Every structure is written in structure tokens, then in C-alpha cells.
Amino acid sequence: MAKIIAIETSDVRFPTSLELDGSDAVNVDPDYSAAYVRVRAEDGETGHGLVFTAGRGNEIVVAAIESYGHLLLGRELDDLVGDLGAAARLLVHDSQLRWLGPEKGVTQMAAGALITALWDVAARRAGKPLWRFMAELTPEQLVAAIDFTHISDALSPDEALQILREGQVGKEERITELEREGYPAYTTSPGWLGYSDEKLVRLSHEAVVDGFGMIKLKVGGNLEDDRRRLALVREALGADFPVAIDANQRWDVPEAIEWLQQLAEFEPWWIEEATSTDDVLGHARIREAIKPMRVATGEAVQSRIIFKQLLQAGGIDFLQLDSTRVAGVSENLAVLLLAKKFGVPVCPHAGGVGLCELVQHFSFFDFAVVSTTKDSRMIEFVDHLHEHFAEPVRIERGRYQAPRLPGAGAEMLDASVERWTFPEGEGWREIGDRAAVTGASLEFDRR
């Protein structure tokens, strides 16, 4: 038995705004960042978790993780890992911290980082990557890890248990297939809004050569620019190659419908985040108005409860769960089961810092035990910042390869954390020095 003696946090940021990597109609100058946490026990055992942000405000998430961390200090790690559902409820339903949510925004994400760190410990103890660890849990163990509060009208524990029991049939064959073939991916790397037309076309060609089955373009800044960029990609890749578009919640509902009708001739595979992800009825209205164009959302959905409503209202054709937006592994298990219940494919959001490394585990698990199919399913891939992780994501022929190392995939390299801790890390000091020498305009103090 070993008690938790430290919650170690780091404000890790990367200057992606300098090249406009990650730029879209709303997030025009993101610095991809991670509020990173290590849960450390007195015997040295460690679990890792993180929350992805876009720069300013990352310190707020770090502070929230530290506040939640006080609930774990001094507790026996065995007790928490032995009942991951109870551990999640301890954090998410804390009687004082939940007032700041409840179950949404910074607090939900901060709790999720710690919950993921505890799942990381559990998977490491089993000597398995998280997806394989989850796939080998019994249906009863998985259901016990899920909080059904506020979703039992859409998915009861008994229904979840039935889905998971049915998913045991053929499970070993699907696991073998995943380890042999991987999981389909699409890429957003060509489509950032700040990229030139030349870079857009060049990276689109490269994505096809690399085997990706779809690319995604950011839209919503200017209608004529959107039409020009989509025309360039269609000319480069042909009329039949799947091209998705993403507005990052840029539009009101009537504006979304009008704008998308102007883009319909380019036959987008889906429109992602056409309006606020909290606007459940707005999504349903847009989906009805723009058929046969499909609607996707999820990367900024704040909880299983909003996902439930999007599914109940028929608001989405694709569900895009995110590994750090909701309360970690436990809540994403609920989201996967809700999607299965309503027959909606899960195509996770990724990119950012560590999102590819974390979210792949959910799709691998989904195929192994929940949906049991890859039809109309793929994981987003963005080729940024993977070199900073203990097990960087592996892509071959446009497919995610199965993670091999034990754990949830959140562990960052110590050298990367030290170099890019904001603002005192060596990487940030070098950028400040370079800006001073060249006279470049640089908003260094991004707090």
C-alpha cells in the first residue's frame, strides 16, 4: 500500500502561432499547450494525465488540477485504482468544486486529467496499453467505472452491460486485427486557415500519397476564400475524394445554413462544429436543412449529458469525442456506449498536444468491444508535437498503429516538459531573445 504524496503540474506550451499551425476561423493564433500532471505515490509509482488548451489560460487549468489534486493527496493509490468509478465520482462530484461547473469547462477537464492519470496507473500495473487494458476488463468492471447520472434515461446500466456482453463475441479476433492492421485515419494537417493556397494543395497531395482516406479544411473566415480553397482541393484531388470541413462554431444557425448551401456544390463529407456545440436544437435544425451533407461535432462538447441530448435530438451524423474535454477515461466510456446505443459512428477529435496519443485508445477499444465495426469511422490526425511523448503516435499508410507501451499515452518526455514550461523554459527564453535581437513583434507574455 502506498499513499499519494504529490500532484506535480506543469504549464507546457509550444509556439505554434508563429507558423499558424492549428489556425482556424475562431482560433486564429493558437499556441498548442498542455496542462500536464503527474500523480506520484510514496513508493515512486506515477500516473500521467493532461488537458489540451490553445495557450492563454493554460495556467487556469493547471490551477484547477492542483485544486482537485488536494482531494487525492494522502489517499491510498490502491484504493483509487481498485475502484476507478468511485475515484471519478470523488473528483467530479466534489461538493465544493462542482459549484464551478457543474460537470463542464475547466473543472471537468481538470478532474479528467487526474482520472486519466489513475487509469494510466491501472494500465501500467497490468503491463498493457490503455485500449488493451480496457478491452480485457469484464463488462461488469467497465459498467462500474461509468457514472450514469443524468444519462440513465438514454442509456441504463443494464443496457450498457448488454452492449458490452455482446461485444465479447469475436473480441480476440478484433484485437488481433487491430494489432495487425491498425485503425483508419484522416488528416487536418493541410487545411489550417492560415496556410497559403500553395501549401494547402501541396499538403493535400502529400496526404493522399501517405494513404489518408480523407482530409479536412477549416472554413468560416470568408465565404469566397472557402469556395476558392475547396475548388483548389477538388481540382487537385478529384470529385470523389472525401473532404470534410470544419467551422469551429463560427456561425449562428441561420448563417450556417446559408453559408453551407453555398459550399454544397463541393460535396463536403461533413460539416464540423457549424454552430455552438451547446446548441443541441440548432445542430438538429442545421442537419435537417443541409441534407445530404452530414453534421459532426464533439471536440468541445462539455459532458456526456450534452452528447446524450445531441443523440436524442438527431443533431449529428458523427460523434467526435475528445480525450481531454470531458472528465477523462470514465466519462468517455459512457460517450462510446451512448453512440453505440443510438447508432452514430465515433470519429474522435485529435491533434493539439497529446490528443492523438490519448484518443487512439478509445477508437481501438470501441472497435474491440463496443461498436465492433470500423465502417464510417476514422481518427483525426495532425502531424504536430508527437516527438514530445514517451510513445509518439505511429501512422503507417494512413492508419494509426496500435499503441504498445503500458499506460494511457499521456506521458511526456521530461526534457520537453522542462524546455517548454511557460514562461521560464529554455525554449520560451530563446524565442524572447530572438525577438529582441530581430526586433520582431512578439506577444511573449501570453498570460
Protein backbone atom coordinates (compact mmCIF):
# COMPACT_ATOMS: atom_id res chain seq x y z
CA MET A 1 0.00 0.00 0.00
CA ALA A 2 1.31 3.43 -0.97
CA LYS A 3 -0.22 6.84 -0.40
CA ILE A 4 -0.29 9.63 -2.97
CA ILE A 5 2.26 12.19 -1.85
CA ALA A 6 2.42 14.64 -4.77
CA ILE A 7 0.36 16.12 -7.58
CA GLU A 8 3.01 17.58 -9.91
CA THR A 9 1.72 20.01 -12.55
CA SER A 10 3.38 21.80 -15.45
CA ASP A 11 2.19 24.60 -17.76
CA VAL A 12 3.62 23.33 -21.07
CA ARG A 13 3.17 25.49 -24.16
CA PHE A 14 4.50 25.37 -27.72
CA PRO A 15 4.75 28.44 -30.02
CA THR A 16 2.63 27.05 -32.86
CA SER A 17 1.19 30.51 -33.52
CA LEU A 18 4.48 31.51 -35.16
CA GLU A 19 3.68 29.32 -38.19
CA LEU A 20 -0.13 29.47 -37.80
CA ASP A 21 -0.28 25.72 -37.21
CA GLY A 22 -3.73 24.97 -35.82
CA SER A 23 -5.29 28.20 -37.12
CA ASP A 24 -8.99 28.34 -37.95
CA ALA A 25 -11.81 30.87 -38.15
CA VAL A 26 -12.05 31.19 -34.35
CA ASN A 27 -8.65 30.09 -33.05
CA VAL A 28 -6.58 32.41 -35.22
CA ASP A 29 -3.24 32.19 -33.38
CA PRO A 30 -3.15 29.16 -31.07
CA ASP A 31 -0.13 28.16 -29.03
CA TYR A 32 -0.81 24.45 -28.55
CA SER A 33 -0.45 23.71 -24.85
CA ALA A 34 -0.88 21.05 -22.20
CA ALA A 35 -1.83 21.38 -18.56
CA TYR A 36 0.23 18.36 -17.57
CA VAL A 37 0.02 16.36 -14.35
CA ARG A 38 1.85 13.52 -12.66
CA VAL A 39 0.23 11.72 -9.74
CA ARG A 40 3.04 10.36 -7.60
CA ALA A 41 2.86 7.79 -4.78
CA GLU A 42 5.30 7.39 -1.91
CA ASP A 43 6.81 4.27 -3.48
CA GLY A 44 7.60 6.18 -6.70
CA GLU A 45 4.69 4.86 -8.77
CA THR A 46 3.44 7.54 -11.16
CA GLY A 47 0.41 8.19 -13.35
CA HIS A 48 0.25 10.78 -16.13
CA GLY A 49 -2.59 12.93 -17.46
CA LEU A 50 -3.11 16.18 -19.35
CA VAL A 51 -5.59 18.70 -20.70
CA PHE A 52 -5.09 20.31 -24.11
CA THR A 53 -5.55 24.09 -24.44
CA ALA A 54 -4.66 26.76 -27.02
CA GLY A 55 -2.28 28.85 -24.89
CA ARG A 56 -3.52 31.69 -22.70
CA GLY A 57 -5.47 30.27 -19.81
CA ASN A 58 -3.45 27.08 -19.63
CA GLU A 59 -2.35 28.24 -16.17
CA ILE A 60 -6.01 28.31 -15.10
CA VAL A 61 -6.40 24.63 -15.92
CA VAL A 62 -3.15 23.87 -14.11
CA ALA A 63 -4.50 25.64 -11.01
CA ALA A 64 -7.75 23.68 -11.23
CA ILE A 65 -5.86 20.38 -11.46
CA GLU A 66 -3.92 21.37 -8.35
CA SER A 67 -7.16 22.18 -6.53
CA TYR A 68 -8.67 18.81 -7.42
CA GLY A 69 -5.38 17.15 -6.57
CA HIS A 70 -5.83 18.03 -2.89
CA LEU A 71 -8.70 15.51 -2.86
CA LEU A 72 -6.23 12.74 -3.73
CA LEU A 73 -3.28 13.65 -1.52
CA GLY A 74 -2.80 11.18 1.30
CA ARG A 75 -5.17 8.61 -0.14
CA GLU A 76 -4.08 5.04 -0.86
CA LEU A 77 -3.35 4.67 -4.57
CA ASP A 78 -4.51 1.03 -4.45
CA ASP A 79 -7.95 2.11 -3.24
CA LEU A 80 -8.36 4.64 -6.05
CA VAL A 81 -7.12 2.36 -8.82
CA GLY A 82 -9.10 -0.55 -7.42
CA ASP A 83 -12.38 1.35 -7.94
CA LEU A 84 -11.90 3.81 -10.80
CA GLY A 85 -15.60 4.62 -10.93
CA ALA A 86 -15.61 5.71 -7.29
CA ALA A 87 -12.39 7.67 -7.86
CA ALA A 88 -14.00 9.55 -10.75
CA ARG A 89 -17.09 10.35 -8.71
CA LEU A 90 -14.92 11.55 -5.81
CA LEU A 91 -13.46 14.19 -8.11
CA VAL A 92 -16.33 15.10 -10.43
CA HIS A 93 -18.97 15.27 -7.70
CA ASP A 94 -16.92 17.07 -5.05
CA SER A 95 -19.46 19.15 -3.14
CA GLN A 96 -17.49 22.42 -3.39
CA LEU A 97 -15.54 22.26 -6.64
CA ARG A 98 -18.57 21.13 -8.63
CA TRP A 99 -20.18 24.53 -7.94
CA LEU A 100 -17.81 25.98 -10.55
CA GLY A 101 -19.28 23.69 -13.21
CA PRO A 102 -21.01 21.55 -12.54
CA GLU A 103 -19.52 19.00 -14.94
CA LYS A 104 -18.38 21.44 -17.60
CA GLY A 105 -15.48 23.61 -18.61
CA VAL A 106 -12.22 23.96 -16.73
CA THR A 107 -13.30 21.97 -13.69
CA GLN A 108 -14.48 18.97 -15.72
CA MET A 109 -11.28 18.92 -17.75
CA ALA A 110 -9.10 19.29 -14.68
CA ALA A 111 -10.86 16.40 -12.93
CA GLY A 112 -10.46 14.41 -16.16
CA ALA A 113 -6.68 14.87 -16.19
CA LEU A 114 -6.45 13.24 -12.76
CA ILE A 115 -8.93 10.50 -13.68
CA THR A 116 -6.86 9.71 -16.77
CA ALA A 117 -3.73 9.60 -14.60
CA LEU A 118 -5.37 6.98 -12.37
CA TRP A 119 -6.37 4.89 -15.42
CA ASP A 120 -2.77 5.30 -16.58
CA VAL A 121 -1.59 3.72 -13.31
CA ALA A 122 -4.06 0.86 -13.70
CA ALA A 123 -2.95 0.10 -17.26
CA ARG A 124 0.74 0.31 -16.32
CA ARG A 125 0.18 -2.12 -13.47
CA ALA A 126 -1.41 -4.53 -15.92
CA GLY A 127 1.52 -4.05 -18.31
CA LYS A 128 -0.84 -3.09 -21.16
CA PRO A 129 -1.68 -0.06 -23.29
CA LEU A 130 -4.91 1.51 -22.10
CA TRP A 131 -7.06 0.27 -25.00
CA ARG A 132 -6.00 -3.33 -24.43
CA PHE A 133 -6.40 -3.00 -20.67
CA MET A 134 -9.96 -1.70 -21.08
CA ALA A 135 -10.80 -4.36 -23.67
CA GLU A 136 -9.79 -7.09 -21.24
CA LEU A 137 -11.88 -5.78 -18.35
CA THR A 138 -15.16 -7.61 -17.81
CA PRO A 139 -18.41 -5.90 -18.85
CA GLU A 140 -19.25 -5.60 -15.16
CA GLN A 141 -15.95 -3.84 -14.40
CA LEU A 142 -16.46 -1.40 -17.25
CA VAL A 143 -20.01 -0.54 -16.21
CA ALA A 144 -18.83 0.01 -12.63
CA ALA A 145 -16.38 2.64 -13.92
CA ILE A 146 -19.14 4.74 -15.57
CA ASP A 147 -21.24 7.49 -14.00
CA PHE A 148 -24.80 7.12 -15.32
CA THR A 149 -26.04 10.24 -13.53
CA HIS A 150 -28.23 12.32 -15.90
CA ILE A 151 -27.95 9.83 -18.79
CA SER A 152 -29.90 6.84 -17.48
CA ASP A 153 -32.97 7.95 -19.46
CA ALA A 154 -30.94 7.35 -22.63
CA LEU A 155 -28.60 4.56 -21.51
CA SER A 156 -29.22 2.45 -18.43
CA PRO A 157 -26.52 0.38 -16.71
CA ASP A 158 -28.35 -2.77 -17.86
CA GLU A 159 -28.31 -1.58 -21.49
CA ALA A 160 -24.61 -0.76 -21.23
CA LEU A 161 -23.93 -4.17 -19.75
CA GLN A 162 -25.79 -5.84 -22.62
CA ILE A 163 -23.80 -3.90 -25.24
CA LEU A 164 -20.52 -4.86 -23.59
CA ARG A 165 -21.51 -8.51 -23.21
CA GLU A 166 -22.42 -8.69 -26.89
CA GLY A 167 -19.05 -7.10 -27.64
CA GLN A 168 -17.22 -10.03 -26.09
CA VAL A 169 -18.14 -12.19 -29.09
CA GLY A 170 -15.25 -12.09 -31.54
CA LYS A 171 -13.27 -9.71 -29.33
CA GLU A 172 -9.98 -11.57 -29.58
CA GLU A 173 -10.16 -11.67 -33.37
CA ARG A 174 -10.78 -7.92 -33.48
CA ILE A 175 -7.87 -7.25 -31.12
CA THR A 176 -5.63 -9.31 -33.39
CA GLU A 177 -6.89 -7.34 -36.40
CA LEU A 178 -6.15 -4.03 -34.67
CA GLU A 179 -2.62 -5.10 -33.80
CA ARG A 180 -2.08 -6.28 -37.39
CA GLU A 181 -3.81 -3.55 -39.42
CA GLY A 182 -4.29 -0.53 -37.16
CA TYR A 183 -7.20 1.91 -37.41
CA PRO A 184 -8.16 4.30 -40.28
CA ALA A 185 -7.12 7.95 -40.01
CA TYR A 186 -7.86 11.23 -41.71
CA THR A 187 -5.72 14.36 -41.53
CA THR A 188 -6.32 18.05 -40.91
CA SER A 189 -2.66 18.96 -41.47
CA PRO A 190 -3.24 20.51 -44.95
CA GLY A 191 -6.26 22.59 -44.02
CA TRP A 192 -5.31 25.23 -41.45
CA LEU A 193 -6.88 28.55 -42.33
CA GLY A 194 -3.62 30.50 -42.13
CA TYR A 195 -1.87 28.34 -44.76
CA SER A 196 -1.26 29.63 -48.29
CA ASP A 197 -3.04 28.10 -51.29
CA GLU A 198 0.23 26.54 -52.42
CA LYS A 199 0.80 24.90 -49.04
CA LEU A 200 -2.82 23.70 -48.95
CA VAL A 201 -2.55 21.96 -52.33
CA ARG A 202 0.92 20.54 -51.66
CA LEU A 203 -0.03 19.07 -48.29
CA SER A 204 -3.28 17.70 -49.71
CA HIS A 205 -1.36 15.79 -52.38
CA GLU A 206 1.04 14.52 -49.73
CA ALA A 207 -1.85 13.31 -47.56
CA VAL A 208 -3.19 11.19 -50.42
CA VAL A 209 0.26 9.75 -51.12
CA ASP A 210 0.62 8.94 -47.42
CA GLY A 211 -2.58 6.88 -47.53
CA PHE A 212 -5.05 9.04 -45.60
CA GLY A 213 -8.67 8.38 -46.53
CA MET A 214 -9.90 11.94 -46.01
CA ILE A 215 -8.60 15.47 -45.44
CA LYS A 216 -10.28 18.28 -43.54
CA LEU A 217 -10.28 22.01 -44.30
CA LYS A 218 -11.03 24.85 -41.93
CA VAL A 219 -13.78 27.21 -43.14
CA GLY A 220 -15.80 30.14 -41.84
CA GLY A 221 -13.43 33.07 -42.20
CA ASN A 222 -14.59 34.33 -45.60
CA LEU A 223 -17.08 32.67 -47.93
CA GLU A 224 -15.19 33.43 -51.14
CA ASP A 225 -11.95 32.17 -49.60
CA ASP A 226 -13.73 28.97 -48.58
CA ARG A 227 -15.07 28.45 -52.10
CA ARG A 228 -11.65 29.10 -53.64
CA ARG A 229 -9.83 26.73 -51.30
CA LEU A 230 -12.39 23.96 -51.74
CA ALA A 231 -12.21 24.38 -55.52
CA LEU A 232 -8.42 24.08 -55.40
CA VAL A 233 -8.61 20.88 -53.39
CA ARG A 234 -11.30 19.42 -55.63
CA GLU A 235 -9.17 20.22 -58.68
CA ALA A 236 -6.14 18.64 -57.04
CA LEU A 237 -7.78 15.50 -55.60
CA GLY A 238 -10.85 14.94 -57.76
CA ALA A 239 -14.56 14.98 -57.11
CA ASP A 240 -14.72 11.66 -55.27
CA PHE A 241 -12.01 12.05 -52.62
CA PRO A 242 -13.60 12.71 -49.19
CA VAL A 243 -13.04 16.27 -47.98
CA ALA A 244 -14.55 17.38 -44.66
CA ILE A 245 -14.91 20.99 -43.50
CA ASP A 246 -14.79 22.50 -40.00
CA ALA A 247 -16.15 25.89 -38.90
CA ASN A 248 -15.15 25.66 -35.22
CA GLN A 249 -18.53 27.05 -34.03
CA ARG A 250 -18.12 30.19 -36.14
CA TRP A 251 -21.75 30.65 -37.24
CA ASP A 252 -25.20 31.28 -35.84
CA VAL A 253 -27.77 28.77 -37.07
CA PRO A 254 -29.27 30.79 -39.99
CA GLU A 255 -25.81 31.90 -41.10
CA ALA A 256 -24.56 28.31 -41.01
CA ILE A 257 -27.37 27.10 -43.22
CA GLU A 258 -26.90 29.89 -45.76
CA TRP A 259 -23.09 29.54 -45.83
CA LEU A 260 -23.19 25.75 -46.17
CA GLN A 261 -25.67 25.93 -49.01
CA GLN A 262 -23.01 27.99 -50.84
CA LEU A 263 -20.45 25.22 -50.23
CA ALA A 264 -22.70 22.27 -51.01
CA GLU A 265 -21.52 22.00 -54.64
CA PHE A 266 -18.13 20.85 -53.36
CA GLU A 267 -19.81 17.90 -51.59
CA PRO A 268 -18.15 18.10 -48.16
CA TRP A 269 -18.07 14.76 -46.37
CA TRP A 270 -19.26 16.53 -43.21
CA ILE A 271 -19.50 19.96 -41.66
CA GLU A 272 -17.94 20.01 -38.22
CA GLU A 273 -18.99 22.41 -35.47
CA ALA A 274 -21.26 24.50 -37.66
CA THR A 275 -22.51 26.32 -34.56
CA SER A 276 -22.11 26.27 -30.78
CA THR A 277 -21.71 22.75 -29.50
CA ASP A 278 -24.12 23.60 -26.68
CA ASP A 279 -26.87 24.38 -29.21
CA VAL A 280 -28.43 20.95 -29.47
CA LEU A 281 -31.58 22.08 -31.30
CA GLY A 282 -29.50 24.30 -33.57
CA HIS A 283 -27.49 21.29 -34.69
CA ALA A 284 -30.67 19.38 -35.40
CA ARG A 285 -32.07 22.28 -37.44
CA ILE A 286 -28.85 22.64 -39.46
CA ARG A 287 -28.68 18.91 -40.11
CA GLU A 288 -32.22 18.87 -41.46
CA ALA A 289 -31.64 21.95 -43.65
CA ILE A 290 -28.41 20.85 -45.35
CA LYS A 291 -29.08 17.18 -46.10
CA PRO A 292 -27.46 15.17 -47.61
CA MET A 293 -24.41 16.95 -46.15
CA ARG A 294 -23.58 15.33 -42.82
CA VAL A 295 -23.10 17.04 -39.46
CA ALA A 296 -20.32 16.25 -36.99
CA THR A 297 -19.45 17.69 -33.60
CA GLY A 298 -17.97 16.80 -30.24
CA GLU A 299 -14.47 18.16 -29.65
CA ALA A 300 -15.82 20.96 -27.42
CA VAL A 301 -18.88 19.16 -26.03
CA GLN A 302 -18.60 19.58 -22.30
CA SER A 303 -20.10 16.36 -20.93
CA ARG A 304 -21.86 13.08 -21.58
CA ILE A 305 -25.11 14.96 -20.91
CA ILE A 306 -24.81 17.21 -23.97
CA PHE A 307 -23.75 14.22 -26.06
CA LYS A 308 -26.88 12.45 -24.87
CA GLN A 309 -29.06 15.35 -26.00
CA LEU A 310 -27.34 15.67 -29.40
CA LEU A 311 -28.05 12.00 -29.98
CA GLN A 312 -31.63 12.15 -28.70
CA ALA A 313 -32.39 15.19 -30.88
CA GLY A 314 -30.90 13.65 -34.01
CA GLY A 315 -28.44 16.53 -34.24
CA ILE A 316 -25.34 14.72 -35.52
CA ASP A 317 -24.26 12.10 -38.03
CA PHE A 318 -20.79 11.68 -36.50
CA LEU A 319 -19.78 11.95 -32.84
CA GLN A 320 -16.32 13.41 -32.26
CA LEU A 321 -15.32 12.65 -28.71
CA ASP A 322 -12.20 14.32 -27.34
CA SER A 323 -9.83 12.69 -24.88
CA THR A 324 -9.47 15.69 -22.56
CA ARG A 325 -12.61 17.83 -22.93
CA VAL A 326 -14.79 15.67 -20.66
CA ALA A 327 -13.89 14.01 -17.36
CA GLY A 328 -11.27 11.61 -18.65
CA VAL A 329 -11.47 7.93 -19.46
CA SER A 330 -14.51 7.11 -17.34
CA GLU A 331 -16.79 9.66 -18.99
CA ASN A 332 -15.60 8.81 -22.48
CA LEU A 333 -16.62 5.20 -21.84
CA ALA A 334 -20.16 6.49 -21.33
CA VAL A 335 -19.96 8.52 -24.55
CA LEU A 336 -18.86 5.50 -26.58
CA LEU A 337 -21.76 3.46 -25.25
CA LEU A 338 -24.25 6.25 -25.94
CA ALA A 339 -23.03 6.42 -29.54
CA LYS A 340 -23.46 2.67 -29.90
CA LYS A 341 -26.98 2.82 -28.45
CA PHE A 342 -28.00 5.50 -30.99
CA GLY A 343 -26.12 4.00 -33.93
CA VAL A 344 -23.88 7.03 -34.56
CA PRO A 345 -20.25 6.46 -35.66
CA VAL A 346 -17.47 7.82 -33.45
CA CYS A 347 -14.71 9.73 -35.26
CA PRO A 348 -12.58 11.24 -32.49
CA HIS A 349 -11.06 14.71 -32.49
CA ALA A 350 -7.29 14.74 -32.24
CA GLY A 351 -4.27 16.95 -32.91
CA GLY A 352 -3.27 19.50 -30.33
CA VAL A 353 -0.79 18.34 -27.70
CA GLY A 354 -1.15 14.64 -26.94
CA LEU A 355 -4.68 14.25 -28.25
CA CYS A 356 -3.63 11.77 -30.94
CA GLU A 357 -1.65 9.80 -28.36
CA LEU A 358 -4.61 9.64 -25.96
CA VAL A 359 -7.68 9.41 -28.17
CA GLN A 360 -6.48 6.49 -30.29
CA HIS A 361 -7.05 4.26 -27.27
CA PHE A 362 -10.80 4.99 -27.37
CA SER A 363 -11.23 4.05 -31.03
CA PHE A 364 -9.21 0.86 -30.62
CA PHE A 365 -11.31 -0.08 -27.60
CA ASP A 366 -14.51 0.91 -29.41
CA PHE A 367 -13.81 -1.49 -32.27
CA ALA A 368 -12.68 -4.28 -29.96
CA VAL A 369 -15.65 -4.23 -27.57
CA VAL A 370 -18.35 -1.61 -28.28
CA SER A 371 -19.19 -0.80 -31.92
CA THR A 372 -17.26 -3.85 -33.25
CA THR A 373 -17.00 -2.12 -36.66
CA LYS A 374 -14.77 0.40 -38.44
CA ASP A 375 -17.42 1.36 -41.00
CA SER A 376 -17.64 5.17 -41.41
CA ARG A 377 -15.15 5.55 -38.58
CA MET A 378 -11.72 7.16 -38.53
CA ILE A 379 -9.48 9.08 -36.13
CA GLU A 380 -8.28 12.60 -36.85
CA PHE A 381 -4.52 13.02 -37.22
CA VAL A 382 -2.44 16.19 -37.11
CA ASP A 383 1.32 15.97 -37.57
CA HIS A 384 2.42 18.24 -34.72
CA LEU A 385 4.34 17.78 -31.45
CA HIS A 386 4.32 13.97 -31.21
CA GLU A 387 8.07 13.92 -30.58
CA HIS A 388 7.47 15.19 -27.04
CA PHE A 389 5.79 11.97 -25.84
CA ALA A 390 7.19 8.77 -24.40
CA GLU A 391 5.29 6.80 -27.06
CA PRO A 392 4.66 9.03 -30.08
CA VAL A 393 1.67 8.06 -32.17
CA ARG A 394 2.59 5.85 -35.16
CA ILE A 395 0.91 6.30 -38.55
CA GLU A 396 1.54 3.89 -41.42
CA ARG A 397 -0.26 4.05 -44.77
CA GLY A 398 -2.83 6.42 -43.31
CA ARG A 399 -3.66 4.19 -40.34
CA TYR A 400 -2.99 4.52 -36.62
CA GLN A 401 -0.86 1.64 -35.42
CA ALA A 402 -1.78 0.02 -32.11
CA PRO A 403 -0.07 1.60 -29.07
CA ARG A 404 2.32 -0.84 -27.43
CA LEU A 405 3.61 0.71 -24.21
CA PRO A 406 1.69 0.29 -20.95
CA GLY A 407 -0.45 3.25 -19.95
CA ALA A 408 -2.82 5.86 -21.36
CA GLY A 409 -0.32 7.55 -23.69
CA ALA A 410 -0.16 10.83 -21.75
CA GLU A 411 3.44 10.63 -20.55
CA MET A 412 5.58 13.49 -21.87
CA LEU A 413 9.36 13.46 -22.05
CA ASP A 414 10.95 15.19 -19.07
CA ALA A 415 13.24 17.19 -21.36
CA SER A 416 10.28 18.51 -23.36
CA VAL A 417 8.37 19.50 -20.24
CA GLU A 418 11.40 21.32 -18.87
CA ARG A 419 12.22 23.11 -22.13
CA TRP A 420 8.68 24.27 -22.90
CA THR A 421 7.32 25.08 -19.43
CA PHE A 422 5.88 28.58 -19.72
CA PRO A 423 7.36 31.16 -19.40
CA GLU A 424 10.68 30.19 -17.84
CA GLY A 425 11.54 27.18 -20.05
CA GLU A 426 14.62 27.47 -22.26
CA GLY A 427 12.53 27.27 -25.45
CA TRP A 428 10.47 30.30 -24.45
CA ARG A 429 13.54 32.23 -23.31
CA GLU A 430 15.17 31.61 -26.69
CA ILE A 431 12.11 32.89 -28.52
CA GLY A 432 12.12 36.03 -26.39
CA ASP A 433 15.83 36.58 -27.03
CA ARG A 434 15.41 36.07 -30.78
CA ALA A 435 12.52 38.52 -30.93
CA ALA A 436 14.57 41.10 -29.06
CA VAL A 437 17.51 40.72 -31.48
CA THR A 438 15.45 40.88 -34.68
CA GLY A 439 13.00 43.50 -33.46
CA ALA A 440 10.16 41.12 -34.27
CA SER A 441 6.76 41.84 -32.79
CA LEU A 442 6.08 39.04 -30.35
CA GLU A 443 3.49 38.93 -27.61
CA PHE A 444 5.77 36.94 -25.36
CA ASP A 445 3.79 37.34 -22.15
CA ARG A 446 0.81 35.29 -23.31
CA ARG A 447 -0.79 35.24 -19.90
